[in-house]
Amino acid sequence: MSEVQESGGGRKKTFEPNLVPFIDLMSVLITFLLLTAVWTQVSMIQIGTSIYGKKTENSPPPPVPEEADVPLRLDVRPNGYVLVLAKNTYQIPKLGEQYDDVALKQQLDYAKQQYPNKKDGAVAMSDELPYEYLIKAMDVMIQAQFPQISVLTGGPN
């Protein structure tokens, strides 16, 4: 054991630190770090083998997403609606001071014709707009046969 000796005041002080708890702590810490390093490597391997991983020349193109995987997002903005369907973006400007719900319904009906089994969609709205506009947009989506609606936080991108 190590000793710490101090001389002063005519008496001798001896202190022996207990190193066993420190050694136990270090052994647990080293074990944790080793397991974490292995787990990180395993997750990197799983990510690398996914369909979005590195593409080689011989690999076939990724499969076309099913209708449920096609994103449908409606952004309610101060200047009108923005409908995003798959990779297409449709701008629906306001008519005067009112949102054009008829044009939105037509675009959603067109989306339903393209993807008849799709039932879900997401709505995003700027925080400064009244809540009524969000409800109107959700009502139009329900009328267009998209009943599974998610509300996105943080507003439109």
N, C-alpha and C. Protein backbone atom coordinates (compact mmCIF):
# COMPACT_ATOMS: atom_id res chain seq x y z
N MET A 1 0.83 -1.17 0.00
CA MET A 1 0.00 0.00 0.00
C MET A 1 0.88 1.24 0.00
N SER A 2 0.30 2.30 -0.48
CA SER A 2 1.04 3.56 -0.45
C SER A 2 0.70 4.31 0.83
N GLU A 3 1.63 5.07 1.24
CA GLU A 3 1.43 5.83 2.47
C GLU A 3 1.69 7.30 2.19
N VAL A 4 0.93 8.12 2.84
CA VAL A 4 1.15 9.55 2.79
C VAL A 4 1.53 9.97 4.20
N GLN A 5 2.71 10.50 4.34
CA GLN A 5 3.16 10.91 5.67
C GLN A 5 3.31 12.41 5.70
N GLU A 6 2.84 12.95 6.73
CA GLU A 6 3.01 14.38 6.96
C GLU A 6 3.68 14.56 8.30
N SER A 7 4.58 15.45 8.32
CA SER A 7 5.18 15.74 9.62
C SER A 7 4.84 17.16 9.98
N GLY A 8 4.41 17.33 11.11
CA GLY A 8 4.06 18.66 11.58
C GLY A 8 3.40 18.56 12.91
N GLY A 9 3.69 19.46 13.73
CA GLY A 9 3.07 19.49 15.03
C GLY A 9 3.55 18.40 15.95
N GLY A 10 4.63 17.74 15.59
CA GLY A 10 5.19 16.76 16.49
C GLY A 10 4.54 15.41 16.43
N ARG A 11 3.50 15.22 15.65
CA ARG A 11 2.91 13.89 15.59
C ARG A 11 2.91 13.39 14.15
N LYS A 12 2.88 12.13 13.98
CA LYS A 12 2.97 11.49 12.68
C LYS A 12 1.57 11.07 12.22
N LYS A 13 1.19 11.51 10.99
CA LYS A 13 -0.10 11.13 10.42
C LYS A 13 0.15 10.16 9.27
N THR A 14 -0.53 9.06 9.28
CA THR A 14 -0.40 8.06 8.23
C THR A 14 -1.77 7.86 7.59
N PHE A 15 -1.79 7.93 6.25
CA PHE A 15 -3.05 7.75 5.52
C PHE A 15 -2.82 6.71 4.44
N GLU A 16 -3.61 5.68 4.42
CA GLU A 16 -3.52 4.64 3.40
C GLU A 16 -4.81 4.64 2.58
N PRO A 17 -4.75 5.14 1.33
CA PRO A 17 -5.98 5.14 0.52
C PRO A 17 -6.37 3.71 0.13
N ASN A 18 -7.66 3.47 0.10
CA ASN A 18 -8.18 2.15 -0.28
C ASN A 18 -8.33 2.13 -1.80
N LEU A 19 -7.49 1.36 -2.46
CA LEU A 19 -7.47 1.32 -3.92
C LEU A 19 -8.43 0.29 -4.52
N VAL A 20 -9.00 -0.57 -3.74
CA VAL A 20 -9.88 -1.62 -4.26
C VAL A 20 -11.12 -1.04 -4.94
N PRO A 21 -11.84 -0.05 -4.35
CA PRO A 21 -12.99 0.52 -5.07
C PRO A 21 -12.59 1.20 -6.37
N PHE A 22 -11.44 1.84 -6.39
CA PHE A 22 -10.98 2.50 -7.61
C PHE A 22 -10.69 1.47 -8.70
N ILE A 23 -10.06 0.37 -8.35
CA ILE A 23 -9.78 -0.69 -9.32
C ILE A 23 -11.08 -1.30 -9.83
N ASP A 24 -12.06 -1.51 -8.96
CA ASP A 24 -13.37 -2.01 -9.38
C ASP A 24 -14.03 -1.06 -10.37
N LEU A 25 -13.97 0.23 -10.06
CA LEU A 25 -14.55 1.24 -10.95
C LEU A 25 -13.89 1.22 -12.32
N MET A 26 -12.58 1.12 -12.35
CA MET A 26 -11.86 1.10 -13.63
C MET A 26 -12.20 -0.16 -14.43
N SER A 27 -12.33 -1.30 -13.77
CA SER A 27 -12.66 -2.53 -14.50
C SER A 27 -14.06 -2.45 -15.11
N VAL A 28 -15.01 -1.87 -14.39
CA VAL A 28 -16.36 -1.70 -14.93
C VAL A 28 -16.34 -0.71 -16.09
N LEU A 29 -15.59 0.38 -15.95
CA LEU A 29 -15.51 1.38 -17.01
C LEU A 29 -14.88 0.80 -18.28
N ILE A 30 -13.82 0.05 -18.14
CA ILE A 30 -13.17 -0.54 -19.31
C ILE A 30 -14.10 -1.54 -19.99
N THR A 31 -14.82 -2.34 -19.22
CA THR A 31 -15.78 -3.29 -19.80
C THR A 31 -16.87 -2.55 -20.56
N PHE A 32 -17.40 -1.49 -19.98
CA PHE A 32 -18.44 -0.70 -20.64
C PHE A 32 -17.92 -0.10 -21.95
N LEU A 33 -16.73 0.46 -21.94
CA LEU A 33 -16.19 1.06 -23.15
C LEU A 33 -15.95 0.02 -24.25
N LEU A 34 -15.49 -1.16 -23.87
CA LEU A 34 -15.29 -2.22 -24.87
C LEU A 34 -16.62 -2.66 -25.48
N LEU A 35 -17.63 -2.84 -24.65
CA LEU A 35 -18.94 -3.24 -25.17
C LEU A 35 -19.53 -2.16 -26.06
N THR A 36 -19.37 -0.91 -25.69
CA THR A 36 -19.89 0.20 -26.50
C THR A 36 -19.19 0.24 -27.85
N ALA A 37 -17.89 0.03 -27.87
CA ALA A 37 -17.15 0.04 -29.14
C ALA A 37 -17.62 -1.09 -30.05
N VAL A 38 -17.86 -2.27 -29.52
CA VAL A 38 -18.34 -3.40 -30.33
C VAL A 38 -19.73 -3.12 -30.85
N TRP A 39 -20.62 -2.59 -30.00
CA TRP A 39 -21.99 -2.29 -30.42
C TRP A 39 -22.00 -1.24 -31.52
N THR A 40 -21.13 -0.25 -31.43
CA THR A 40 -21.05 0.79 -32.46
C THR A 40 -20.62 0.17 -33.78
N GLN A 41 -19.65 -0.73 -33.76
CA GLN A 41 -19.20 -1.37 -34.99
C GLN A 41 -20.30 -2.23 -35.61
N VAL A 42 -21.06 -2.94 -34.80
CA VAL A 42 -22.15 -3.77 -35.31
C VAL A 42 -23.21 -2.90 -35.96
N SER A 43 -23.56 -1.77 -35.35
CA SER A 43 -24.58 -0.90 -35.94
C SER A 43 -24.08 -0.28 -37.24
N MET A 44 -22.80 0.00 -37.34
CA MET A 44 -22.26 0.54 -38.60
C MET A 44 -22.36 -0.50 -39.71
N ILE A 45 -22.15 -1.76 -39.40
CA ILE A 45 -22.27 -2.82 -40.39
C ILE A 45 -23.71 -2.92 -40.87
N GLN A 46 -24.67 -2.84 -39.95
CA GLN A 46 -26.08 -2.94 -40.34
C GLN A 46 -26.48 -1.76 -41.21
N ILE A 47 -26.00 -0.58 -40.91
CA ILE A 47 -26.34 0.59 -41.72
C ILE A 47 -25.72 0.46 -43.10
N GLY A 48 -24.50 -0.05 -43.18
CA GLY A 48 -23.82 -0.17 -44.47
C GLY A 48 -24.47 -1.17 -45.40
N THR A 49 -25.20 -2.14 -44.89
CA THR A 49 -25.81 -3.14 -45.75
C THR A 49 -27.25 -2.82 -46.09
N SER A 50 -27.76 -1.67 -45.67
CA SER A 50 -29.14 -1.32 -45.98
C SER A 50 -29.25 -0.90 -47.45
N ILE A 51 -30.48 -0.74 -47.93
CA ILE A 51 -30.67 -0.37 -49.33
C ILE A 51 -30.20 1.05 -49.61
N TYR A 52 -30.05 1.85 -48.56
CA TYR A 52 -29.58 3.21 -48.75
C TYR A 52 -28.08 3.32 -48.56
N GLY A 53 -27.41 2.19 -48.39
CA GLY A 53 -25.97 2.17 -48.19
C GLY A 53 -25.24 2.48 -49.48
N LYS A 54 -23.97 2.17 -49.49
CA LYS A 54 -23.13 2.45 -50.64
C LYS A 54 -23.60 1.62 -51.84
N LYS A 55 -23.76 2.29 -52.96
CA LYS A 55 -24.27 1.62 -54.16
C LYS A 55 -23.10 1.15 -55.01
N THR A 56 -23.17 -0.07 -55.45
CA THR A 56 -22.15 -0.60 -56.34
C THR A 56 -22.70 -0.62 -57.76
N GLU A 57 -21.80 -0.86 -58.70
CA GLU A 57 -22.23 -0.85 -60.10
C GLU A 57 -23.14 -2.02 -60.44
N ASN A 58 -22.96 -3.14 -59.79
CA ASN A 58 -23.73 -4.34 -60.11
C ASN A 58 -25.04 -4.44 -59.35
N SER A 59 -25.26 -3.55 -58.40
CA SER A 59 -26.48 -3.66 -57.59
C SER A 59 -27.69 -3.17 -58.38
N PRO A 60 -28.81 -3.85 -58.25
CA PRO A 60 -30.02 -3.42 -58.96
C PRO A 60 -30.57 -2.15 -58.31
N PRO A 61 -31.39 -1.41 -59.05
CA PRO A 61 -31.98 -0.20 -58.47
C PRO A 61 -32.91 -0.56 -57.32
N PRO A 62 -33.07 0.34 -56.36
CA PRO A 62 -33.96 0.04 -55.23
C PRO A 62 -35.39 -0.12 -55.72
N PRO A 63 -36.18 -0.94 -55.03
CA PRO A 63 -37.56 -1.16 -55.48
C PRO A 63 -38.40 0.10 -55.36
N VAL A 64 -39.41 0.17 -56.20
CA VAL A 64 -40.33 1.30 -56.15
C VAL A 64 -41.10 1.23 -54.84
N PRO A 65 -41.21 2.35 -54.12
CA PRO A 65 -41.90 2.28 -52.82
C PRO A 65 -43.38 1.98 -53.00
N GLU A 66 -43.91 1.26 -52.04
CA GLU A 66 -45.33 0.98 -52.06
C GLU A 66 -46.10 2.27 -51.76
N GLU A 67 -47.38 2.22 -51.98
CA GLU A 67 -48.20 3.42 -51.81
C GLU A 67 -48.13 3.96 -50.39
N ALA A 68 -48.00 3.08 -49.43
CA ALA A 68 -47.95 3.54 -48.04
C ALA A 68 -46.65 4.28 -47.75
N ASP A 69 -45.60 4.01 -48.53
CA ASP A 69 -44.31 4.65 -48.30
C ASP A 69 -44.16 5.98 -49.02
N VAL A 70 -45.07 6.32 -49.90
CA VAL A 70 -44.99 7.58 -50.64
C VAL A 70 -45.40 8.71 -49.70
N PRO A 71 -44.52 9.70 -49.52
CA PRO A 71 -44.87 10.78 -48.59
C PRO A 71 -45.93 11.72 -49.17
N LEU A 72 -46.87 12.08 -48.34
CA LEU A 72 -47.89 13.07 -48.67
C LEU A 72 -47.89 14.08 -47.54
N ARG A 73 -47.47 15.30 -47.85
CA ARG A 73 -47.38 16.35 -46.84
C ARG A 73 -48.06 17.61 -47.35
N LEU A 74 -48.84 18.22 -46.48
CA LEU A 74 -49.52 19.47 -46.80
C LEU A 74 -48.97 20.54 -45.88
N ASP A 75 -48.38 21.57 -46.47
CA ASP A 75 -47.87 22.70 -45.70
C ASP A 75 -48.87 23.85 -45.81
N VAL A 76 -49.30 24.36 -44.68
CA VAL A 76 -50.17 25.53 -44.65
C VAL A 76 -49.28 26.73 -44.39
N ARG A 77 -49.14 27.58 -45.40
CA ARG A 77 -48.24 28.73 -45.30
C ARG A 77 -49.04 30.02 -45.39
N PRO A 78 -48.46 31.13 -45.01
CA PRO A 78 -49.20 32.40 -45.08
C PRO A 78 -49.65 32.77 -46.48
N ASN A 79 -48.94 32.30 -47.52
CA ASN A 79 -49.32 32.65 -48.90
C ASN A 79 -50.13 31.57 -49.60
N GLY A 80 -50.45 30.46 -48.92
CA GLY A 80 -51.26 29.41 -49.53
C GLY A 80 -50.80 28.03 -49.09
N TYR A 81 -51.31 27.02 -49.79
CA TYR A 81 -50.97 25.64 -49.50
C TYR A 81 -49.79 25.20 -50.36
N VAL A 82 -49.01 24.27 -49.83
CA VAL A 82 -47.98 23.58 -50.61
C VAL A 82 -48.20 22.09 -50.35
N LEU A 83 -48.52 21.36 -51.41
CA LEU A 83 -48.77 19.92 -51.32
C LEU A 83 -47.56 19.19 -51.89
N VAL A 84 -46.98 18.30 -51.10
CA VAL A 84 -45.83 17.51 -51.53
C VAL A 84 -46.29 16.06 -51.61
N LEU A 85 -46.22 15.51 -52.82
CA LEU A 85 -46.61 14.12 -53.06
C LEU A 85 -45.44 13.44 -53.75
N ALA A 86 -44.86 12.46 -53.08
CA ALA A 86 -43.65 11.77 -53.56
C ALA A 86 -42.57 12.83 -53.77
N LYS A 87 -42.14 13.03 -55.00
CA LYS A 87 -41.12 14.05 -55.27
C LYS A 87 -41.71 15.28 -55.95
N ASN A 88 -43.01 15.33 -56.09
CA ASN A 88 -43.68 16.44 -56.76
C ASN A 88 -44.19 17.45 -55.73
N THR A 89 -44.09 18.72 -56.09
CA THR A 89 -44.56 19.80 -55.22
C THR A 89 -45.59 20.61 -55.98
N TYR A 90 -46.74 20.83 -55.35
CA TYR A 90 -47.83 21.59 -55.97
C TYR A 90 -48.10 22.83 -55.12
N GLN A 91 -47.99 23.99 -55.72
CA GLN A 91 -48.29 25.26 -55.04
C GLN A 91 -49.75 25.60 -55.28
N ILE A 92 -50.46 25.90 -54.20
CA ILE A 92 -51.87 26.30 -54.30
C ILE A 92 -51.98 27.66 -53.61
N PRO A 93 -51.90 28.75 -54.37
CA PRO A 93 -51.91 30.07 -53.74
C PRO A 93 -53.28 30.44 -53.19
N LYS A 94 -53.29 31.43 -52.31
CA LYS A 94 -54.55 31.91 -51.73
C LYS A 94 -55.33 32.68 -52.79
N LEU A 95 -56.64 32.65 -52.65
CA LEU A 95 -57.52 33.47 -53.49
C LEU A 95 -57.93 34.67 -52.65
N GLY A 96 -57.28 35.78 -52.87
CA GLY A 96 -57.55 36.95 -52.04
C GLY A 96 -57.01 36.70 -50.64
N GLU A 97 -57.91 36.70 -49.67
CA GLU A 97 -57.53 36.45 -48.28
C GLU A 97 -57.86 35.03 -47.83
N GLN A 98 -58.51 34.24 -48.69
CA GLN A 98 -58.96 32.89 -48.32
C GLN A 98 -58.07 31.83 -48.96
N TYR A 99 -57.92 30.73 -48.26
CA TYR A 99 -57.21 29.59 -48.82
C TYR A 99 -58.12 28.91 -49.85
N ASP A 100 -57.51 28.41 -50.93
CA ASP A 100 -58.26 27.78 -52.02
C ASP A 100 -58.48 26.30 -51.69
N ASP A 101 -59.54 26.03 -50.93
CA ASP A 101 -59.83 24.66 -50.53
C ASP A 101 -60.29 23.80 -51.70
N VAL A 102 -60.93 24.41 -52.69
CA VAL A 102 -61.41 23.66 -53.86
C VAL A 102 -60.22 23.12 -54.66
N ALA A 103 -59.22 23.98 -54.90
CA ALA A 103 -58.04 23.53 -55.64
C ALA A 103 -57.26 22.49 -54.85
N LEU A 104 -57.22 22.65 -53.53
CA LEU A 104 -56.55 21.65 -52.69
C LEU A 104 -57.26 20.31 -52.79
N LYS A 105 -58.58 20.33 -52.76
CA LYS A 105 -59.37 19.09 -52.87
C LYS A 105 -59.11 18.43 -54.22
N GLN A 106 -59.01 19.23 -55.29
CA GLN A 106 -58.73 18.67 -56.62
C GLN A 106 -57.36 18.00 -56.66
N GLN A 107 -56.36 18.64 -56.06
CA GLN A 107 -55.02 18.05 -56.04
C GLN A 107 -54.99 16.78 -55.20
N LEU A 108 -55.70 16.79 -54.07
CA LEU A 108 -55.75 15.59 -53.23
C LEU A 108 -56.51 14.46 -53.92
N ASP A 109 -57.56 14.80 -54.67
CA ASP A 109 -58.27 13.78 -55.45
C ASP A 109 -57.35 13.17 -56.52
N TYR A 110 -56.54 14.02 -57.14
CA TYR A 110 -55.57 13.54 -58.13
C TYR A 110 -54.56 12.60 -57.46
N ALA A 111 -54.12 12.96 -56.26
CA ALA A 111 -53.20 12.10 -55.51
C ALA A 111 -53.86 10.77 -55.17
N LYS A 112 -55.13 10.81 -54.84
CA LYS A 112 -55.86 9.58 -54.51
C LYS A 112 -56.01 8.70 -55.74
N GLN A 113 -56.16 9.30 -56.92
CA GLN A 113 -56.23 8.52 -58.16
C GLN A 113 -54.89 7.83 -58.44
N GLN A 114 -53.79 8.52 -58.16
CA GLN A 114 -52.47 7.93 -58.38
C GLN A 114 -52.18 6.81 -57.38
N TYR A 115 -52.56 7.03 -56.13
CA TYR A 115 -52.28 6.07 -55.05
C TYR A 115 -53.58 5.76 -54.32
N PRO A 116 -54.42 4.89 -54.88
CA PRO A 116 -55.74 4.66 -54.29
C PRO A 116 -55.72 4.00 -52.91
N ASN A 117 -54.67 3.27 -52.57
CA ASN A 117 -54.62 2.60 -51.26
C ASN A 117 -53.98 3.46 -50.18
N LYS A 118 -53.50 4.61 -50.53
CA LYS A 118 -52.85 5.49 -49.54
C LYS A 118 -53.91 6.13 -48.66
N LYS A 119 -53.69 6.08 -47.35
CA LYS A 119 -54.67 6.62 -46.41
C LYS A 119 -54.07 7.65 -45.46
N ASP A 120 -52.74 7.80 -45.47
CA ASP A 120 -52.12 8.69 -44.49
C ASP A 120 -51.52 9.92 -45.15
N GLY A 121 -51.35 10.94 -44.35
CA GLY A 121 -50.75 12.18 -44.79
C GLY A 121 -50.35 13.00 -43.58
N ALA A 122 -49.57 14.02 -43.82
CA ALA A 122 -49.10 14.88 -42.74
C ALA A 122 -49.40 16.33 -43.07
N VAL A 123 -49.69 17.10 -42.04
CA VAL A 123 -49.99 18.53 -42.19
C VAL A 123 -49.01 19.30 -41.32
N ALA A 124 -48.40 20.32 -41.91
CA ALA A 124 -47.51 21.21 -41.16
C ALA A 124 -48.00 22.64 -41.35
N MET A 125 -47.88 23.44 -40.30
CA MET A 125 -48.38 24.81 -40.37
C MET A 125 -47.44 25.73 -39.61
N SER A 126 -47.29 26.95 -40.10
CA SER A 126 -46.50 27.95 -39.40
C SER A 126 -47.17 28.30 -38.08
N ASP A 127 -46.36 28.61 -37.08
CA ASP A 127 -46.90 28.90 -35.76
C ASP A 127 -47.70 30.20 -35.70
N GLU A 128 -47.39 31.13 -36.59
CA GLU A 128 -48.07 32.43 -36.52
C GLU A 128 -49.48 32.42 -37.14
N LEU A 129 -49.85 31.34 -37.82
CA LEU A 129 -51.18 31.26 -38.44
C LEU A 129 -52.21 30.79 -37.42
N PRO A 130 -53.47 31.22 -37.60
CA PRO A 130 -54.53 30.75 -36.70
C PRO A 130 -54.77 29.25 -36.84
N TYR A 131 -55.21 28.67 -35.75
CA TYR A 131 -55.45 27.23 -35.66
C TYR A 131 -56.56 26.78 -36.62
N GLU A 132 -57.47 27.68 -36.95
CA GLU A 132 -58.59 27.35 -37.85
C GLU A 132 -58.10 26.84 -39.20
N TYR A 133 -56.99 27.40 -39.68
CA TYR A 133 -56.47 26.99 -40.99
C TYR A 133 -55.99 25.54 -40.96
N LEU A 134 -55.41 25.13 -39.86
CA LEU A 134 -54.99 23.74 -39.71
C LEU A 134 -56.20 22.81 -39.75
N ILE A 135 -57.26 23.18 -39.04
CA ILE A 135 -58.47 22.36 -39.00
C ILE A 135 -59.10 22.28 -40.39
N LYS A 136 -59.14 23.41 -41.12
CA LYS A 136 -59.70 23.40 -42.48
C LYS A 136 -58.90 22.47 -43.39
N ALA A 137 -57.58 22.53 -43.29
CA ALA A 137 -56.73 21.67 -44.13
C ALA A 137 -56.96 20.20 -43.79
N MET A 138 -57.09 19.90 -42.51
CA MET A 138 -57.35 18.51 -42.11
C MET A 138 -58.71 18.05 -42.60
N ASP A 139 -59.72 18.91 -42.55
CA ASP A 139 -61.05 18.56 -43.05
C ASP A 139 -61.01 18.23 -44.55
N VAL A 140 -60.26 19.03 -45.31
CA VAL A 140 -60.17 18.77 -46.75
C VAL A 140 -59.46 17.44 -47.00
N MET A 141 -58.44 17.14 -46.21
CA MET A 141 -57.74 15.85 -46.39
C MET A 141 -58.67 14.68 -46.07
N ILE A 142 -59.50 14.82 -45.05
CA ILE A 142 -60.45 13.75 -44.71
C ILE A 142 -61.48 13.59 -45.82
N GLN A 143 -61.95 14.70 -46.40
CA GLN A 143 -62.90 14.63 -47.51
C GLN A 143 -62.29 13.93 -48.72
N ALA A 144 -60.98 14.06 -48.89
CA ALA A 144 -60.30 13.45 -50.03
C ALA A 144 -59.87 12.01 -49.74
N GLN A 145 -60.40 11.41 -48.67
CA GLN A 145 -60.14 10.01 -48.32
C GLN A 145 -58.72 9.76 -47.81
N PHE A 146 -58.17 10.72 -47.06
CA PHE A 146 -56.90 10.54 -46.35
C PHE A 146 -57.19 10.72 -44.86
N PRO A 147 -57.76 9.70 -44.20
CA PRO A 147 -58.21 9.87 -42.82
C PRO A 147 -57.10 9.81 -41.76
N GLN A 148 -55.97 9.21 -42.08
CA GLN A 148 -54.89 9.07 -41.10
C GLN A 148 -53.95 10.26 -41.22
N ILE A 149 -54.21 11.29 -40.43
CA ILE A 149 -53.49 12.55 -40.55
C ILE A 149 -52.55 12.72 -39.37
N SER A 150 -51.33 13.09 -39.68
CA SER A 150 -50.35 13.43 -38.65
C SER A 150 -50.10 14.93 -38.71
N VAL A 151 -49.95 15.54 -37.55
CA VAL A 151 -49.64 16.96 -37.49
C VAL A 151 -48.16 17.08 -37.16
N LEU A 152 -47.42 17.75 -38.04
CA LEU A 152 -45.98 17.91 -37.86
C LEU A 152 -45.70 19.14 -37.03
N THR A 153 -44.76 19.03 -36.13
CA THR A 153 -44.38 20.17 -35.30
C THR A 153 -43.25 20.93 -35.97
N GLY A 154 -43.11 22.17 -35.61
CA GLY A 154 -42.02 22.98 -36.14
C GLY A 154 -42.36 23.73 -37.40
N GLY A 155 -43.55 23.58 -37.92
CA GLY A 155 -43.95 24.32 -39.10
C GLY A 155 -43.40 23.72 -40.38
N PRO A 156 -43.79 24.28 -41.53
CA PRO A 156 -43.32 23.75 -42.81
C PRO A 156 -41.85 24.08 -43.01
N ASN A 157 -41.17 23.25 -43.79
CA ASN A 157 -39.74 23.46 -44.06
C ASN A 157 -39.54 24.46 -45.15
